[in-house]
N, C-alpha and C. Protein backbone atom coordinates (compact mmCIF):
# COMPACT_ATOMS: atom_id res chain seq x y z
N MET A 1 148.61 -44.58 -285.02
CA MET A 1 149.31 -44.47 -283.34
C MET A 1 150.22 -45.34 -283.96
N LYS A 2 149.72 -46.70 -284.23
CA LYS A 2 150.57 -47.50 -284.32
C LYS A 2 151.19 -47.26 -285.97
N LYS A 3 150.62 -47.00 -286.81
CA LYS A 3 151.66 -46.40 -287.80
C LYS A 3 152.84 -45.68 -288.03
N SER A 4 152.68 -45.25 -287.02
CA SER A 4 154.17 -44.16 -287.26
C SER A 4 155.16 -44.79 -285.66
N LYS A 5 154.55 -45.58 -285.12
CA LYS A 5 155.60 -46.73 -284.62
C LYS A 5 156.68 -47.11 -285.54
N LEU A 6 155.19 -48.31 -285.90
CA LEU A 6 156.41 -48.85 -287.40
C LEU A 6 156.95 -48.98 -288.45
N VAL A 7 156.46 -46.94 -288.55
CA VAL A 7 156.75 -46.51 -289.26
C VAL A 7 158.60 -46.47 -288.49
N ASN A 8 158.58 -45.97 -287.78
CA ASN A 8 160.28 -45.69 -287.03
C ASN A 8 160.56 -47.13 -286.47
N TYR A 9 160.37 -48.20 -286.53
CA TYR A 9 160.99 -49.73 -286.21
C TYR A 9 161.48 -50.24 -287.44
N PHE A 10 160.82 -49.38 -288.32
CA PHE A 10 161.56 -49.57 -290.18
C PHE A 10 162.64 -48.57 -290.70
N LEU A 11 163.02 -47.37 -290.10
CA LEU A 11 163.48 -46.96 -290.85
C LEU A 11 164.65 -47.29 -289.83
N VAL A 12 165.00 -47.84 -288.45
CA VAL A 12 165.77 -48.30 -287.82
C VAL A 12 167.10 -49.31 -288.49
N ILE A 13 165.52 -50.45 -288.63
CA ILE A 13 165.43 -51.69 -289.26
C ILE A 13 166.07 -51.71 -290.85
N THR A 14 166.23 -50.40 -291.62
CA THR A 14 166.25 -50.24 -292.88
C THR A 14 167.61 -49.27 -292.79
N GLY A 15 167.41 -48.40 -292.18
CA GLY A 15 168.94 -47.92 -291.75
C GLY A 15 170.47 -48.69 -291.89
N CYS A 16 170.12 -49.93 -290.33
CA CYS A 16 170.65 -50.36 -290.15
C CYS A 16 171.48 -51.57 -291.05
N PHE A 17 170.38 -51.73 -292.07
CA PHE A 17 170.73 -53.25 -293.25
C PHE A 17 171.76 -52.30 -294.38
N VAL A 18 170.65 -50.93 -294.81
CA VAL A 18 171.89 -50.51 -295.39
C VAL A 18 173.31 -49.75 -295.69
N ALA A 19 173.42 -49.37 -293.87
CA ALA A 19 174.99 -49.50 -293.48
C ALA A 19 175.85 -50.87 -293.21
N ILE A 20 175.13 -51.89 -292.71
CA ILE A 20 176.04 -53.44 -293.01
C ILE A 20 176.03 -53.32 -294.80
N TYR A 21 175.45 -53.30 -295.17
CA TYR A 21 175.75 -53.19 -296.96
C TYR A 21 176.91 -52.72 -297.98
N ALA A 22 176.94 -51.10 -297.39
CA ALA A 22 177.76 -50.51 -297.76
C ALA A 22 178.83 -51.12 -296.82
N GLN A 23 179.25 -51.38 -295.89
CA GLN A 23 180.13 -52.37 -295.25
C GLN A 23 180.84 -53.39 -295.79
N ALA A 24 179.49 -54.01 -296.88
CA ALA A 24 180.32 -54.94 -296.69
C ALA A 24 181.20 -55.44 -297.93
N ASP A 25 181.28 -54.66 -299.03
CA ASP A 25 182.15 -54.32 -299.84
C ASP A 25 183.77 -54.69 -299.42
N LYS A 26 184.68 -55.16 -300.89
CA LYS A 26 185.54 -54.39 -299.61
C LYS A 26 186.29 -53.27 -300.21
N LYS A 27 185.13 -53.08 -301.96
CA LYS A 27 185.32 -51.46 -302.35
C LYS A 27 184.10 -50.41 -301.71
N GLN A 28 184.54 -49.83 -299.93
CA GLN A 28 183.56 -49.63 -299.57
C GLN A 28 182.74 -48.26 -300.07
N ASN A 29 180.89 -47.99 -300.34
CA ASN A 29 180.95 -47.17 -300.31
C ASN A 29 180.65 -46.29 -299.96
N VAL A 30 180.80 -44.75 -299.04
CA VAL A 30 180.54 -43.82 -298.45
C VAL A 30 178.98 -43.66 -299.19
N ILE A 31 178.66 -42.90 -299.36
CA ILE A 31 177.39 -42.19 -300.29
C ILE A 31 176.97 -43.01 -299.77
N ILE A 32 176.64 -44.55 -299.97
CA ILE A 32 175.30 -45.50 -299.23
C ILE A 32 175.55 -45.62 -297.66
N LEU A 33 177.25 -45.95 -297.69
CA LEU A 33 176.71 -46.12 -296.03
C LEU A 33 176.84 -44.24 -295.60
N ILE A 34 176.58 -43.29 -295.59
CA ILE A 34 176.11 -42.13 -295.16
C ILE A 34 174.41 -41.66 -294.71
N VAL A 35 173.84 -42.61 -295.98
CA VAL A 35 172.22 -42.69 -296.40
C VAL A 35 171.30 -43.81 -295.27
N GLY A 36 172.19 -44.61 -294.52
CA GLY A 36 172.09 -45.53 -294.37
C GLY A 36 172.08 -45.41 -292.53
N ILE A 37 172.76 -44.35 -292.69
CA ILE A 37 173.40 -43.68 -290.87
C ILE A 37 171.89 -42.62 -290.74
N VAL A 38 171.78 -41.87 -291.99
CA VAL A 38 171.24 -41.05 -291.43
C VAL A 38 169.60 -41.50 -291.59
N ILE A 39 169.33 -42.91 -292.00
CA ILE A 39 167.93 -43.09 -292.04
C ILE A 39 167.91 -43.78 -290.53
N LEU A 40 168.41 -44.72 -290.17
CA LEU A 40 169.04 -44.85 -288.96
C LEU A 40 168.84 -44.05 -287.86
N MET A 41 169.43 -43.23 -287.92
CA MET A 41 169.53 -41.88 -287.08
C MET A 41 167.85 -41.16 -287.10
N LEU A 42 167.82 -41.16 -287.95
CA LEU A 42 166.42 -40.54 -288.20
C LEU A 42 165.39 -41.43 -287.68
N GLY A 43 164.93 -42.67 -287.83
CA GLY A 43 164.40 -43.53 -287.10
C GLY A 43 165.37 -43.62 -285.49
N ILE A 44 165.87 -43.43 -284.97
CA ILE A 44 166.01 -43.17 -283.52
C ILE A 44 165.62 -42.17 -282.83
N PHE A 45 165.72 -41.38 -283.55
CA PHE A 45 165.21 -39.59 -283.52
C PHE A 45 163.79 -39.47 -282.69
N ARG A 46 162.97 -39.77 -284.34
CA ARG A 46 161.68 -39.98 -284.33
C ARG A 46 161.27 -40.75 -282.99
N ILE A 47 161.84 -42.46 -282.72
CA ILE A 47 160.89 -42.99 -281.54
C ILE A 47 161.75 -41.82 -280.61
N ALA A 48 163.24 -41.22 -280.14
CA ALA A 48 163.20 -41.28 -278.77
C ALA A 48 162.45 -39.25 -278.78
N SER A 49 161.56 -38.61 -279.92
CA SER A 49 160.61 -37.77 -279.68
C SER A 49 159.46 -37.89 -278.92
N THR A 50 159.13 -39.41 -278.80
CA THR A 50 158.11 -40.35 -278.36
C THR A 50 157.99 -39.92 -276.98
N ILE A 51 159.09 -40.22 -276.14
CA ILE A 51 159.43 -39.92 -275.09
C ILE A 51 159.73 -39.18 -274.01
N PRO A 52 158.08 -39.35 -273.15
CA PRO A 52 158.34 -37.76 -272.36
C PRO A 52 159.80 -37.97 -271.57
N SER A 53 160.16 -36.51 -270.75
CA SER A 53 160.92 -36.01 -270.04
C SER A 53 160.25 -36.39 -268.96
N LYS A 54 162.54 -37.16 -268.32
CA LYS A 54 161.94 -36.78 -266.53
C LYS A 54 161.56 -36.31 -266.11
N HIS A 55 161.81 -34.70 -265.97
CA HIS A 55 161.93 -32.86 -265.63
C HIS A 55 160.93 -32.94 -265.54
N GLU A 56 160.27 -32.95 -267.51
CA GLU A 56 158.85 -32.24 -267.28
C GLU A 56 158.09 -33.47 -266.88
N LYS A 57 158.20 -34.79 -266.83
CA LYS A 57 156.72 -35.29 -265.15
C LYS A 57 156.49 -34.68 -264.11
N ASP A 58 158.31 -34.68 -263.75
CA ASP A 58 158.51 -34.71 -261.83
C ASP A 58 157.63 -32.74 -261.92
N THR A 59 157.66 -31.84 -262.89
CA THR A 59 157.74 -31.01 -262.33
C THR A 59 155.54 -31.27 -263.67
N ASN A 60 155.04 -32.01 -263.35
CA ASN A 60 153.89 -32.16 -264.04
C ASN A 60 153.38 -32.79 -262.36
N GLU A 61 154.06 -33.32 -261.60
CA GLU A 61 153.42 -34.04 -260.58
C GLU A 61 153.47 -33.12 -259.48
N ASN A 62 154.78 -32.31 -259.31
CA ASN A 62 154.52 -30.82 -258.66
C ASN A 62 152.95 -30.33 -258.76
N ASP A 63 153.02 -30.17 -259.98
CA ASP A 63 151.96 -29.19 -260.31
C ASP A 63 150.44 -29.32 -259.51
N ASN A 64 150.26 -30.77 -259.41
CA ASN A 64 149.10 -31.94 -258.94
C ASN A 64 149.30 -31.57 -257.20
N GLU A 65 150.45 -31.81 -257.24
CA GLU A 65 150.58 -32.08 -255.78
C GLU A 65 149.96 -30.31 -254.93
N GLN A 66 150.23 -29.27 -255.57
CA GLN A 66 149.84 -28.38 -254.66
C GLN A 66 149.24 -27.33 -255.15
């Protein structure tokens, strides 16, 4: 479990650095920028998928009360 969290944060940080690196040059490399953004979004998506939905939590509590 901890390994997947570490991978998720690594993806986010790597994506940030790659996107910033692509913007640093005078002549911007669009392909590297897109790859950096994709890595960043993949990491954010994986982190967000582990957060439970608020509505799902509410329905579970209502089921337990009845």
